[in-house]
């Protein structure tokens, strides 16, 4: 059971409790499941009981115990405990957890950098209108990419011609206006306080995209520093490390093969499974920063795991190493696909 499937399962438990009259609340559109906090237990946790307590007029632990009764015994659920102010801690059955991990890695490997893209042909065409301002153009460019990834068409229409250097260095471009019947979306982030062109394409785009549109971006040399303090460096470094591991494994005579992973990585698995939903949310809200922050989280989750992938000393490559490599490569694929949507290069070497 993947985190997305578990989220749907918890949502179904809420719906059953409402249908049976055990809870008098409106069923939420979605339920968030995450790895348990430090000191928690189980494979995943959810605070849905705390969210429903006030509208239900009942203490959160009572709501949690009602939902626990509907979750116990379901396929894939090993155990459910209530902790703290009303958190539900959910343990998956080992076989189901392993199968979900294998299915997730295979899904990423099958789709490649298009993992998370919505299937089908382009539907509604959206016209993204923006002022003749560099950050607005870069944000509109990425919003167009995100919309296309989710099956919509998009055109970027700024007010007036854009400078050639913006096209050459930052890779933005303008489309011809369409007919008036096309839905229009106005893209107006807080303008850049300085010229991003000296940073180059990758760092310049990141500086404008990583902050939320309503936040003032920092456009300076900190985005070029190759240190852990630089989020862009961490994302690109994590991607390059996953690719280097593939080359190193080939030198040792083994390759990636999806399978059970014997190293605890619940946060990484949750982030990879959530990637399609992140792309959809970033497209729906016209918010490239949602994707940028997600990539930072994936990088921070995968980097500690990468040290476990290759055999150590006289250790021989095993099925466990092949499975760890497959998971690492899946994370690298997600990072590469996300950077591509942001219009930023994902280097094989760094």
C-alpha atoms as a PDB file:
ATOM      1  CA  UNK A   1       0.000   0.000   0.000  1.00  0.00           C
ATOM      2  CA  UNK A   2       1.517   3.304  -1.099  1.00  0.00           C
ATOM      3  CA  UNK A   3       1.020   6.529   0.892  1.00  0.00           C
ATOM      4  CA  UNK A   4      -1.528   7.675  -1.693  1.00  0.00           C
ATOM      5  CA  UNK A   5      -3.448   4.404  -1.357  1.00  0.00           C
ATOM      6  CA  UNK A   6      -3.273   4.646   2.439  1.00  0.00           C
ATOM      7  CA  UNK A   7      -4.614   8.194   2.292  1.00  0.00           C
ATOM      8  CA  UNK A   8      -7.611   6.927   0.324  1.00  0.00           C
ATOM      9  CA  UNK A   9      -8.077   4.085   2.800  1.00  0.00           C
ATOM     10  CA  UNK A  10      -8.170   6.494   5.771  1.00  0.00           C
ATOM     11  CA  UNK A  11     -10.579   8.725   3.851  1.00  0.00           C
ATOM     12  CA  UNK A  12     -12.844   5.709   3.271  1.00  0.00           C
ATOM     13  CA  UNK A  13     -12.763   4.984   7.013  1.00  0.00           C
ATOM     14  CA  UNK A  14     -13.926   8.545   7.704  1.00  0.00           C
ATOM     15  CA  UNK A  15     -16.701   8.151   5.161  1.00  0.00           C
ATOM     16  CA  UNK A  16     -17.864   4.867   6.724  1.00  0.00           C
ATOM     17  CA  UNK A  17     -17.915   6.448  10.188  1.00  0.00           C
ATOM     18  CA  UNK A  18     -20.038   9.297   8.837  1.00  0.00           C
ATOM     19  CA  UNK A  19     -22.403   6.948   6.982  1.00  0.00           C
ATOM     20  CA  UNK A  20     -22.950   4.927  10.165  1.00  0.00           C
ATOM     21  CA  UNK A  21     -23.659   8.054  12.203  1.00  0.00           C
ATOM     22  CA  UNK A  22     -20.594   7.637  14.401  1.00  0.00           C
ATOM     23  CA  UNK A  23     -19.235  11.018  13.279  1.00  0.00           C
ATOM     24  CA  UNK A  24     -21.279  14.043  12.254  1.00  0.00           C
ATOM     25  CA  UNK A  25     -18.815  15.884  10.005  1.00  0.00           C
ATOM     26  CA  UNK A  26     -18.273  16.766   6.387  1.00  0.00           C
ATOM     27  CA  UNK A  27     -15.928  14.255   4.781  1.00  0.00           C
ATOM     28  CA  UNK A  28     -12.702  16.070   3.818  1.00  0.00           C
ATOM     29  CA  UNK A  29     -11.499  16.017   0.228  1.00  0.00           C
ATOM     30  CA  UNK A  30      -8.191  14.395   1.188  1.00  0.00           C
ATOM     31  CA  UNK A  31      -6.297  13.027   4.161  1.00  0.00           C
ATOM     32  CA  UNK A  32      -2.575  13.577   4.616  1.00  0.00           C
ATOM     33  CA  UNK A  33      -0.423  10.674   5.797  1.00  0.00           C
ATOM     34  CA  UNK A  34       3.238  11.232   6.680  1.00  0.00           C
ATOM     35  CA  UNK A  35       6.074   9.329   8.332  1.00  0.00           C
ATOM     36  CA  UNK A  36       5.626   9.387  12.126  1.00  0.00           C
ATOM     37  CA  UNK A  37       7.355  12.134  14.057  1.00  0.00           C
ATOM     38  CA  UNK A  38      10.389  11.347  16.233  1.00  0.00           C
ATOM     39  CA  UNK A  39       9.196   9.148  19.049  1.00  0.00           C
ATOM     40  CA  UNK A  40       6.184   7.983  17.054  1.00  0.00           C
ATOM     41  CA  UNK A  41       5.480   4.444  15.943  1.00  0.00           C
ATOM     42  CA  UNK A  42       4.232   2.614  12.883  1.00  0.00           C
ATOM     43  CA  UNK A  43       4.964   3.236   9.220  1.00  0.00           C
ATOM     44  CA  UNK A  44       2.730   6.293   8.768  1.00  0.00           C
ATOM     45  CA  UNK A  45       0.776   8.769  10.869  1.00  0.00           C
ATOM     46  CA  UNK A  46      -2.173  11.073  10.234  1.00  0.00           C
ATOM     47  CA  UNK A  47      -3.708  13.934  12.205  1.00  0.00           C
ATOM     48  CA  UNK A  48      -7.136  13.571  10.596  1.00  0.00           C
ATOM     49  CA  UNK A  49      -8.771  12.997  14.006  1.00  0.00           C
ATOM     50  CA  UNK A  50      -7.475  16.349  15.238  1.00  0.00           C
ATOM     51  CA  UNK A  51      -8.882  18.032  12.125  1.00  0.00           C
ATOM     52  CA  UNK A  52     -12.312  16.466  12.623  1.00  0.00           C
ATOM     53  CA  UNK A  53     -12.550  16.858  16.405  1.00  0.00           C
ATOM     54  CA  UNK A  54     -13.971  20.397  16.496  1.00  0.00           C
ATOM     55  CA  UNK A  55     -16.625  19.932  13.761  1.00  0.00           C
ATOM     56  CA  UNK A  56     -17.538  16.571  15.325  1.00  0.00           C
ATOM     57  CA  UNK A  57     -17.874  18.162  18.775  1.00  0.00           C
ATOM     58  CA  UNK A  58     -15.838  15.356  20.319  1.00  0.00           C
ATOM     59  CA  UNK A  59     -12.294  15.027  21.710  1.00  0.00           C
ATOM     60  CA  UNK A  60      -9.693  14.102  19.103  1.00  0.00           C
ATOM     61  CA  UNK A  61      -8.697  10.822  20.883  1.00  0.00           C
ATOM     62  CA  UNK A  62     -12.341   9.707  20.764  1.00  0.00           C
ATOM     63  CA  UNK A  63     -12.534  10.484  17.031  1.00  0.00           C
ATOM     64  CA  UNK A  64      -9.248   8.642  16.519  1.00  0.00           C
ATOM     65  CA  UNK A  65     -10.561   5.514  18.255  1.00  0.00           C
ATOM     66  CA  UNK A  66     -13.701   5.584  16.091  1.00  0.00           C
ATOM     67  CA  UNK A  67     -11.543   5.684  12.952  1.00  0.00           C
ATOM     68  CA  UNK A  68      -9.196   3.033  14.351  1.00  0.00           C
ATOM     69  CA  UNK A  69     -12.098   0.615  14.530  1.00  0.00           C
ATOM     70  CA  UNK A  70     -12.772   1.072  10.814  1.00  0.00           C
ATOM     71  CA  UNK A  71      -9.116   0.707   9.820  1.00  0.00           C
ATOM     72  CA  UNK A  72      -8.225  -2.444  11.750  1.00  0.00           C
ATOM     73  CA  UNK A  73      -8.540  -5.581   9.651  1.00  0.00           C
ATOM     74  CA  UNK A  74      -8.472  -3.836   6.294  1.00  0.00           C
ATOM     75  CA  UNK A  75      -6.210  -5.261   3.603  1.00  0.00           C
ATOM     76  CA  UNK A  76      -2.684  -4.013   4.063  1.00  0.00           C
ATOM     77  CA  UNK A  77      -3.225  -2.632   7.592  1.00  0.00           C
ATOM     78  CA  UNK A  78      -1.241  -4.453  10.265  1.00  0.00           C
ATOM     79  CA  UNK A  79      -1.995  -2.322  13.320  1.00  0.00           C
ATOM     80  CA  UNK A  80      -3.362   1.099  14.275  1.00  0.00           C
ATOM     81  CA  UNK A  81      -2.554   2.906  17.518  1.00  0.00           C
ATOM     82  CA  UNK A  82      -3.663   6.251  18.930  1.00  0.00           C
ATOM     83  CA  UNK A  83      -0.985   8.472  20.408  1.00  0.00           C
ATOM     84  CA  UNK A  84      -0.576  11.948  21.849  1.00  0.00           C
ATOM     85  CA  UNK A  85      -3.491  14.331  21.358  1.00  0.00           C
ATOM     86  CA  UNK A  86      -5.129  12.052  18.791  1.00  0.00           C
ATOM     87  CA  UNK A  87      -2.637  10.977  16.129  1.00  0.00           C
ATOM     88  CA  UNK A  88      -3.360   7.728  14.304  1.00  0.00           C
ATOM     89  CA  UNK A  89      -0.202   5.646  13.857  1.00  0.00           C
ATOM     90  CA  UNK A  90      -0.622   3.033  11.146  1.00  0.00           C
ATOM     91  CA  UNK A  91       1.569  -0.026  10.616  1.00  0.00           C
ATOM     92  CA  UNK A  92       1.366  -1.816   7.294  1.00  0.00           C
ATOM     93  CA  UNK A  93       1.663  -5.549   6.900  1.00  0.00           C
ATOM     94  CA  UNK A  94       5.220  -6.379   5.899  1.00  0.00           C
ATOM     95  CA  UNK A  95       4.298  -8.114   2.639  1.00  0.00           C
ATOM     96  CA  UNK A  96       2.017  -5.253   1.595  1.00  0.00           C
ATOM     97  CA  UNK A  97       4.624  -2.615   2.465  1.00  0.00           C
ATOM     98  CA  UNK A  98       7.264  -4.432   0.418  1.00  0.00           C
ATOM     99  CA  UNK A  99       4.913  -4.832  -2.530  1.00  0.00           C
ATOM    100  CA  UNK A 100       4.019  -1.131  -2.403  1.00  0.00           C
ATOM    101  CA  UNK A 101       7.694  -0.150  -2.418  1.00  0.00           C
ATOM    102  CA  UNK A 102       8.434  -2.375  -5.414  1.00  0.00           C
ATOM    103  CA  UNK A 103       5.389  -1.050  -7.262  1.00  0.00           C
ATOM    104  CA  UNK A 104       6.406   2.553  -6.571  1.00  0.00           C
ATOM    105  CA  UNK A 105       9.978   2.086  -7.810  1.00  0.00           C
ATOM    106  CA  UNK A 106       8.768   0.247 -10.911  1.00  0.00           C
ATOM    107  CA  UNK A 107       6.262   3.022 -11.645  1.00  0.00           C
ATOM    108  CA  UNK A 108       9.018   5.651 -11.521  1.00  0.00           C
ATOM    109  CA  UNK A 109      11.402   3.599 -13.635  1.00  0.00           C
ATOM    110  CA  UNK A 110       8.700   2.890 -16.208  1.00  0.00           C
ATOM    111  CA  UNK A 111       7.614   6.524 -16.577  1.00  0.00           C
ATOM    112  CA  UNK A 112      11.107   8.019 -16.323  1.00  0.00           C
ATOM    113  CA  UNK A 113      11.273  11.779 -15.992  1.00  0.00           C
ATOM    114  CA  UNK A 114       7.588  11.944 -16.944  1.00  0.00           C
ATOM    115  CA  UNK A 115       6.610  10.247 -13.683  1.00  0.00           C
ATOM    116  CA  UNK A 116       3.703  12.217 -12.251  1.00  0.00           C
ATOM    117  CA  UNK A 117       2.502  13.490 -15.623  1.00  0.00           C
ATOM    118  CA  UNK A 118      -1.232  13.177 -16.234  1.00  0.00           C
ATOM    119  CA  UNK A 119      -2.116  10.804 -19.082  1.00  0.00           C
ATOM    120  CA  UNK A 120      -4.011  11.884 -22.173  1.00  0.00           C
ATOM    121  CA  UNK A 121      -3.844  14.640 -24.733  1.00  0.00           C
ATOM    122  CA  UNK A 122      -3.940  18.361 -24.088  1.00  0.00           C
ATOM    123  CA  UNK A 123      -7.318  19.648 -22.982  1.00  0.00           C
ATOM    124  CA  UNK A 124      -8.139  23.257 -22.201  1.00  0.00           C
ATOM    125  CA  UNK A 125      -5.653  25.847 -23.402  1.00  0.00           C
ATOM    126  CA  UNK A 126      -4.776  28.487 -20.813  1.00  0.00           C
ATOM    127  CA  UNK A 127      -3.291  31.862 -21.720  1.00  0.00           C
ATOM    128  CA  UNK A 128      -0.806  33.030 -19.099  1.00  0.00           C
ATOM    129  CA  UNK A 129      -0.610  36.814 -19.173  1.00  0.00           C
ATOM    130  CA  UNK A 130       2.176  38.573 -17.347  1.00  0.00           C
ATOM    131  CA  UNK A 131       3.921  41.941 -17.198  1.00  0.00           C
ATOM    132  CA  UNK A 132       7.195  42.544 -19.004  1.00  0.00           C
ATOM    133  CA  UNK A 133       9.202  41.661 -15.901  1.00  0.00           C
ATOM    134  CA  UNK A 134      11.838  38.958 -15.641  1.00  0.00           C
ATOM    135  CA  UNK A 135      10.453  37.029 -12.669  1.00  0.00           C
ATOM    136  CA  UNK A 136       6.931  37.082 -14.061  1.00  0.00           C
ATOM    137  CA  UNK A 137       8.223  35.633 -17.353  1.00  0.00           C
ATOM    138  CA  UNK A 138      10.182  32.840 -15.659  1.00  0.00           C
ATOM    139  CA  UNK A 139       7.282  31.912 -13.378  1.00  0.00           C
ATOM    140  CA  UNK A 140       4.833  31.945 -16.296  1.00  0.00           C
ATOM    141  CA  UNK A 141       7.196  29.749 -18.309  1.00  0.00           C
ATOM    142  CA  UNK A 142       7.267  27.093 -15.576  1.00  0.00           C
ATOM    143  CA  UNK A 143       3.527  27.322 -14.932  1.00  0.00           C
ATOM    144  CA  UNK A 144       3.050  26.581 -18.641  1.00  0.00           C
ATOM    145  CA  UNK A 145       5.313  23.533 -18.340  1.00  0.00           C
ATOM    146  CA  UNK A 146       3.403  22.322 -15.294  1.00  0.00           C
ATOM    147  CA  UNK A 147       0.037  22.761 -16.978  1.00  0.00           C
ATOM    148  CA  UNK A 148       1.243  20.807 -20.004  1.00  0.00           C
ATOM    149  CA  UNK A 149       2.464  18.025 -17.712  1.00  0.00           C
ATOM    150  CA  UNK A 150      -1.094  17.731 -16.404  1.00  0.00           C
ATOM    151  CA  UNK A 151      -2.732  17.548 -19.825  1.00  0.00           C
ATOM    152  CA  UNK A 152      -3.562  21.196 -20.478  1.00  0.00           C
ATOM    153  CA  UNK A 153      -2.258  23.490 -23.189  1.00  0.00           C
ATOM    154  CA  UNK A 154      -0.664  26.794 -22.238  1.00  0.00           C
ATOM    155  CA  UNK A 155       0.627  29.961 -23.866  1.00  0.00           C
ATOM    156  CA  UNK A 156       2.800  32.641 -22.256  1.00  0.00           C
ATOM    157  CA  UNK A 157       1.726  36.115 -23.362  1.00  0.00           C
ATOM    158  CA  UNK A 158       3.665  39.022 -21.798  1.00  0.00           C
ATOM    159  CA  UNK A 159       2.789  42.664 -22.193  1.00  0.00           C
ATOM    160  CA  UNK A 160       5.140  43.730 -24.970  1.00  0.00           C
ATOM    161  CA  UNK A 161       8.278  42.106 -26.429  1.00  0.00           C
ATOM    162  CA  UNK A 162      10.822  40.568 -24.090  1.00  0.00           C
ATOM    163  CA  UNK A 163      14.568  41.332 -24.185  1.00  0.00           C
ATOM    164  CA  UNK A 164      16.640  38.942 -26.275  1.00  0.00           C
ATOM    165  CA  UNK A 165      19.039  38.351 -23.377  1.00  0.00           C
ATOM    166  CA  UNK A 166      16.196  37.007 -21.235  1.00  0.00           C
ATOM    167  CA  UNK A 167      15.543  34.438 -23.956  1.00  0.00           C
ATOM    168  CA  UNK A 168      19.210  33.599 -24.458  1.00  0.00           C
ATOM    169  CA  UNK A 169      20.225  33.300 -20.798  1.00  0.00           C
ATOM    170  CA  UNK A 170      17.059  32.328 -18.924  1.00  0.00           C
ATOM    171  CA  UNK A 171      15.360  30.381 -21.698  1.00  0.00           C
ATOM    172  CA  UNK A 172      12.045  32.243 -21.593  1.00  0.00           C
ATOM    173  CA  UNK A 173       9.986  33.024 -24.645  1.00  0.00           C
ATOM    174  CA  UNK A 174       6.709  34.658 -25.588  1.00  0.00           C
ATOM    175  CA  UNK A 175       3.813  33.114 -27.500  1.00  0.00           C
ATOM    176  CA  UNK A 176       1.463  34.924 -29.817  1.00  0.00           C
ATOM    177  CA  UNK A 177      -1.854  35.924 -28.202  1.00  0.00           C
ATOM    178  CA  UNK A 178      -4.743  33.581 -28.946  1.00  0.00           C
ATOM    179  CA  UNK A 179      -8.415  34.262 -29.370  1.00  0.00           C
ATOM    180  CA  UNK A 180     -10.417  35.945 -26.632  1.00  0.00           C
ATOM    181  CA  UNK A 181     -12.306  32.740 -25.852  1.00  0.00           C
ATOM    182  CA  UNK A 182      -9.203  31.153 -24.284  1.00  0.00           C
ATOM    183  CA  UNK A 183      -9.214  31.306 -20.444  1.00  0.00           C
ATOM    184  CA  UNK A 184      -6.698  33.870 -19.193  1.00  0.00           C
ATOM    185  CA  UNK A 185      -4.637  33.644 -16.007  1.00  0.00           C
ATOM    186  CA  UNK A 186      -2.637  36.634 -14.804  1.00  0.00           C
ATOM    187  CA  UNK A 187       0.805  35.829 -13.400  1.00  0.00           C
ATOM    188  CA  UNK A 188       2.121  38.637 -11.173  1.00  0.00           C
ATOM    189  CA  UNK A 189       4.694  37.503  -8.609  1.00  0.00           C
ATOM    190  CA  UNK A 190       6.627  40.013  -6.515  1.00  0.00           C
ATOM    191  CA  UNK A 191       9.196  41.465  -8.967  1.00  0.00           C
ATOM    192  CA  UNK A 192      12.862  40.519  -8.788  1.00  0.00           C
ATOM    193  CA  UNK A 193      14.820  43.098  -6.753  1.00  0.00           C
ATOM    194  CA  UNK A 194      17.945  42.653  -8.900  1.00  0.00           C
ATOM    195  CA  UNK A 195      18.999  41.400 -12.308  1.00  0.00           C
ATOM    196  CA  UNK A 196      19.256  37.554 -12.257  1.00  0.00           C
ATOM    197  CA  UNK A 197      21.136  37.311 -15.569  1.00  0.00           C
ATOM    198  CA  UNK A 198      24.638  37.365 -13.967  1.00  0.00           C
ATOM    199  CA  UNK A 199      23.702  34.145 -12.134  1.00  0.00           C
ATOM    200  CA  UNK A 200      23.213  32.252 -15.392  1.00  0.00           C
ATOM    201  CA  UNK A 201      20.243  30.144 -16.389  1.00  0.00           C
ATOM    202  CA  UNK A 202      20.100  27.532 -13.633  1.00  0.00           C
ATOM    203  CA  UNK A 203      20.845  29.658 -10.568  1.00  0.00           C
ATOM    204  CA  UNK A 204      18.950  32.622 -12.002  1.00  0.00           C
ATOM    205  CA  UNK A 205      15.779  30.596 -12.555  1.00  0.00           C
ATOM    206  CA  UNK A 206      16.053  28.913  -9.140  1.00  0.00           C
ATOM    207  CA  UNK A 207      16.453  32.272  -7.384  1.00  0.00           C
ATOM    208  CA  UNK A 208      13.168  33.433  -8.943  1.00  0.00           C
ATOM    209  CA  UNK A 209      11.226  30.170  -8.594  1.00  0.00           C
ATOM    210  CA  UNK A 210      12.112  28.781  -5.160  1.00  0.00           C
ATOM    211  CA  UNK A 211      10.355  31.502  -3.103  1.00  0.00           C
ATOM    212  CA  UNK A 212       6.555  31.672  -3.182  1.00  0.00           C
ATOM    213  CA  UNK A 213       5.185  34.204  -5.633  1.00  0.00           C
ATOM    214  CA  UNK A 214       4.137  36.568  -2.845  1.00  0.00           C
ATOM    215  CA  UNK A 215       7.640  36.533  -1.316  1.00  0.00           C
ATOM    216  CA  UNK A 216      10.501  38.804  -2.328  1.00  0.00           C
ATOM    217  CA  UNK A 217      13.236  36.664  -3.925  1.00  0.00           C
ATOM    218  CA  UNK A 218      16.911  36.934  -3.028  1.00  0.00           C
ATOM    219  CA  UNK A 219      18.943  37.343  -6.200  1.00  0.00           C
ATOM    220  CA  UNK A 220      22.581  36.963  -5.222  1.00  0.00           C
ATOM    221  CA  UNK A 221      25.666  34.796  -5.278  1.00  0.00           C
ATOM    222  CA  UNK A 222      24.349  32.469  -2.554  1.00  0.00           C
ATOM    223  CA  UNK A 223      22.644  30.483  -5.320  1.00  0.00           C
ATOM    224  CA  UNK A 224      26.027  29.729  -6.938  1.00  0.00           C
ATOM    225  CA  UNK A 225      27.747  28.432  -3.801  1.00  0.00           C
ATOM    226  CA  UNK A 226      28.430  24.696  -3.868  1.00  0.00           C
ATOM    227  CA  UNK A 227      27.643  24.045  -0.220  1.00  0.00           C
ATOM    228  CA  UNK A 228      24.854  22.361   1.717  1.00  0.00           C
ATOM    229  CA  UNK A 229      23.511  25.788   2.679  1.00  0.00           C
ATOM    230  CA  UNK A 230      22.437  26.229  -0.965  1.00  0.00           C
ATOM    231  CA  UNK A 231      19.192  24.279  -1.671  1.00  0.00           C
ATOM    232  CA  UNK A 232      19.823  24.246  -5.430  1.00  0.00           C
ATOM    233  CA  UNK A 233      23.248  22.686  -4.867  1.00  0.00           C
ATOM    234  CA  UNK A 234      21.722  19.989  -2.612  1.00  0.00           C
ATOM    235  CA  UNK A 235      19.131  19.065  -5.242  1.00  0.00           C
ATOM    236  CA  UNK A 236      21.615  18.907  -8.108  1.00  0.00           C
ATOM    237  CA  UNK A 237      24.235  17.158  -5.962  1.00  0.00           C
ATOM    238  CA  UNK A 238      21.732  14.503  -4.858  1.00  0.00           C
ATOM    239  CA  UNK A 239      20.811  13.863  -8.495  1.00  0.00           C
ATOM    240  CA  UNK A 240      24.461  13.619  -9.562  1.00  0.00           C
ATOM    241  CA  UNK A 241      25.161  11.213  -6.664  1.00  0.00           C
ATOM    242  CA  UNK A 242      22.372   8.870  -7.753  1.00  0.00           C
ATOM    243  CA  UNK A 243      23.796   8.783 -11.274  1.00  0.00           C
ATOM    244  CA  UNK A 244      27.331   8.204  -9.967  1.00  0.00           C
ATOM    245  CA  UNK A 245      26.078   5.242  -7.925  1.00  0.00           C
ATOM    246  CA  UNK A 246      24.693   3.666 -11.086  1.00  0.00           C
ATOM    247  CA  UNK A 247      28.093   3.981 -12.758  1.00  0.00           C
ATOM    248  CA  UNK A 248      29.909   2.652  -9.693  1.00  0.00           C
ATOM    249  CA  UNK A 249      27.526  -0.304  -9.431  1.00  0.00           C
ATOM    250  CA  UNK A 250      28.115  -1.141 -13.094  1.00  0.00           C
ATOM    251  CA  UNK A 251      31.852  -1.199 -12.394  1.00  0.00           C
ATOM    252  CA  UNK A 252      31.147  -3.703  -9.598  1.00  0.00           C
ATOM    253  CA  UNK A 253      29.090  -5.856 -11.950  1.00  0.00           C
ATOM    254  CA  UNK A 254      25.532  -5.261 -10.747  1.00  0.00           C
ATOM    255  CA  UNK A 255      22.549  -3.138 -11.680  1.00  0.00           C
ATOM    256  CA  UNK A 256      19.293  -1.881 -10.229  1.00  0.00           C
ATOM    257  CA  UNK A 257      16.363  -4.184  -9.588  1.00  0.00           C
ATOM    258  CA  UNK A 258      13.257  -3.166  -7.659  1.00  0.00           C
ATOM    259  CA  UNK A 259      12.777  -5.148  -4.479  1.00  0.00           C
ATOM    260  CA  UNK A 260      12.348  -4.892  -0.704  1.00  0.00           C
ATOM    261  CA  UNK A 261      14.684  -2.370   0.906  1.00  0.00           C
ATOM    262  CA  UNK A 262      16.135  -3.331   4.272  1.00  0.00           C
ATOM    263  CA  UNK A 263      17.048   0.250   5.235  1.00  0.00           C
ATOM    264  CA  UNK A 264      14.285   2.402   6.766  1.00  0.00           C
ATOM    265  CA  UNK A 265      13.303   5.120   4.246  1.00  0.00           C
ATOM    266  CA  UNK A 266       9.641   6.003   4.996  1.00  0.00           C
ATOM    267  CA  UNK A 267      10.089   9.738   4.397  1.00  0.00           C
ATOM    268  CA  UNK A 268      11.740   9.176   1.008  1.00  0.00           C
ATOM    269  CA  UNK A 269       9.045   6.714  -0.064  1.00  0.00           C
ATOM    270  CA  UNK A 270       6.298   9.128   0.949  1.00  0.00           C
ATOM    271  CA  UNK A 271       7.900  11.962  -1.026  1.00  0.00           C
ATOM    272  CA  UNK A 272       8.348   9.849  -4.155  1.00  0.00           C
ATOM    273  CA  UNK A 273       4.798   8.541  -3.970  1.00  0.00           C
ATOM    274  CA  UNK A 274       3.491  12.081  -3.463  1.00  0.00           C
ATOM    275  CA  UNK A 275       5.315  13.481  -6.509  1.00  0.00           C
ATOM    276  CA  UNK A 276       2.328  13.163  -8.909  1.00  0.00           C
ATOM    277  CA  UNK A 277       0.137  15.019  -6.426  1.00  0.00           C
ATOM    278  CA  UNK A 278       2.801  17.716  -6.008  1.00  0.00           C
ATOM    279  CA  UNK A 279       2.894  18.297  -9.780  1.00  0.00           C
ATOM    280  CA  UNK A 280      -0.890  18.502  -9.907  1.00  0.00           C
ATOM    281  CA  UNK A 281      -0.998  20.935  -6.976  1.00  0.00           C
ATOM    282  CA  UNK A 282       1.758  23.123  -8.431  1.00  0.00           C
ATOM    283  CA  UNK A 283      -0.108  23.260 -11.748  1.00  0.00           C
ATOM    284  CA  UNK A 284      -3.517  23.922 -10.182  1.00  0.00           C
ATOM    285  CA  UNK A 285      -2.203  26.755  -8.007  1.00  0.00           C
ATOM    286  CA  UNK A 286       0.218  28.106 -10.632  1.00  0.00           C
ATOM    287  CA  UNK A 287       2.941  27.756  -8.008  1.00  0.00           C
ATOM    288  CA  UNK A 288       6.362  26.515  -9.184  1.00  0.00           C
ATOM    289  CA  UNK A 289       7.683  27.040  -5.636  1.00  0.00           C
ATOM    290  CA  UNK A 290       5.630  24.019  -4.520  1.00  0.00           C
ATOM    291  CA  UNK A 291       7.665  21.830  -6.857  1.00  0.00           C
ATOM    292  CA  UNK A 292      10.969  23.504  -5.961  1.00  0.00           C
ATOM    293  CA  UNK A 293      10.452  22.922  -2.224  1.00  0.00           C
ATOM    294  CA  UNK A 294       9.404  19.338  -2.894  1.00  0.00           C
ATOM    295  CA  UNK A 295      12.662  18.683  -4.749  1.00  0.00           C
ATOM    296  CA  UNK A 296      14.639  20.028  -1.793  1.00  0.00           C
ATOM    297  CA  UNK A 297      12.765  17.624   0.501  1.00  0.00           C
ATOM    298  CA  UNK A 298      13.466  14.675  -1.832  1.00  0.00           C
ATOM    299  CA  UNK A 299      17.161  15.575  -1.970  1.00  0.00           C
ATOM    300  CA  UNK A 300      17.409  15.907   1.817  1.00  0.00           C
ATOM    301  CA  UNK A 301      15.671  12.532   2.261  1.00  0.00           C
ATOM    302  CA  UNK A 302      17.734  10.603  -0.285  1.00  0.00           C
ATOM    303  CA  UNK A 303      21.227  11.905   0.517  1.00  0.00           C
ATOM    304  CA  UNK A 304      21.650   9.973   3.826  1.00  0.00           C
ATOM    305  CA  UNK A 305      20.285   6.832   2.139  1.00  0.00           C
ATOM    306  CA  UNK A 306      22.844   6.900  -0.696  1.00  0.00           C
ATOM    307  CA  UNK A 307      25.669   5.867   1.636  1.00  0.00           C
ATOM    308  CA  UNK A 308      23.972   2.455   2.074  1.00  0.00           C
ATOM    309  CA  UNK A 309      23.658   1.567  -1.614  1.00  0.00           C
ATOM    310  CA  UNK A 310      27.058   0.103  -2.550  1.00  0.00           C
ATOM    311  CA  UNK A 311      28.731  -2.904  -0.873  1.00  0.00           C
ATOM    312  CA  UNK A 312      31.358  -2.096   1.741  1.00  0.00           C
ATOM    313  CA  UNK A 313      34.795  -3.709   1.992  1.00  0.00           C
ATOM    314  CA  UNK A 314      34.703  -7.385   1.026  1.00  0.00           C
ATOM    315  CA  UNK A 315      30.917  -7.433   0.896  1.00  0.00           C
ATOM    316  CA  UNK A 316      29.496  -8.936  -2.302  1.00  0.00           C
ATOM    317  CA  UNK A 317      26.641  -7.289  -4.252  1.00  0.00           C
ATOM    318  CA  UNK A 318      23.303  -8.809  -3.259  1.00  0.00           C
ATOM    319  CA  UNK A 319      19.601  -8.438  -3.985  1.00  0.00           C
ATOM    320  CA  UNK A 320      19.475  -5.857  -1.196  1.00  0.00           C
ATOM    321  CA  UNK A 321      22.077  -3.713  -2.963  1.00  0.00           C
ATOM    322  CA  UNK A 322      20.203  -3.980  -6.258  1.00  0.00           C
ATOM    323  CA  UNK A 323      16.980  -2.907  -4.559  1.00  0.00           C
ATOM    324  CA  UNK A 324      18.662   0.031  -2.815  1.00  0.00           C
ATOM    325  CA  UNK A 325      20.185   1.122  -6.121  1.00  0.00           C
ATOM    326  CA  UNK A 326      16.773   0.952  -7.810  1.00  0.00           C
ATOM    327  CA  UNK A 327      15.273   3.175  -5.113  1.00  0.00           C
ATOM    328  CA  UNK A 328      18.183   5.631  -5.357  1.00  0.00           C
ATOM    329  CA  UNK A 329      17.834   5.800  -9.133  1.00  0.00           C
ATOM    330  CA  UNK A 330      14.071   6.371  -8.765  1.00  0.00           C
ATOM    331  CA  UNK A 331      14.792   9.339  -6.509  1.00  0.00           C
ATOM    332  CA  UNK A 332      17.293  10.642  -9.050  1.00  0.00           C
ATOM    333  CA  UNK A 333      14.680  10.333 -11.778  1.00  0.00           C
ATOM    334  CA  UNK A 334      12.188  12.368  -9.750  1.00  0.00           C
ATOM    335  CA  UNK A 335      14.808  15.047  -9.146  1.00  0.00           C
ATOM    336  CA  UNK A 336      15.747  15.156 -12.840  1.00  0.00           C
ATOM    337  CA  UNK A 337      12.124  15.368 -13.958  1.00  0.00           C
ATOM    338  CA  UNK A 338      11.351  18.115 -11.466  1.00  0.00           C
ATOM    339  CA  UNK A 339      14.395  20.169 -12.437  1.00  0.00           C
ATOM    340  CA  UNK A 340      13.471  19.792 -16.095  1.00  0.00           C
ATOM    341  CA  UNK A 341      10.021  21.245 -15.407  1.00  0.00           C
ATOM    342  CA  UNK A 342      11.717  24.170 -13.681  1.00  0.00           C
ATOM    343  CA  UNK A 343      13.900  24.646 -16.763  1.00  0.00           C
ATOM    344  CA  UNK A 344      17.051  23.789 -14.791  1.00  0.00           C
ATOM    345  CA  UNK A 345      19.766  21.347 -15.823  1.00  0.00           C
ATOM    346  CA  UNK A 346      20.211  18.109 -13.875  1.00  0.00           C
ATOM    347  CA  UNK A 347      23.928  17.290 -14.240  1.00  0.00           C
ATOM    348  CA  UNK A 348      25.226  13.728 -14.390  1.00  0.00           C
ATOM    349  CA  UNK A 349      28.468  14.929 -12.778  1.00  0.00           C
ATOM    350  CA  UNK A 350      28.915  17.633 -10.166  1.00  0.00           C
END
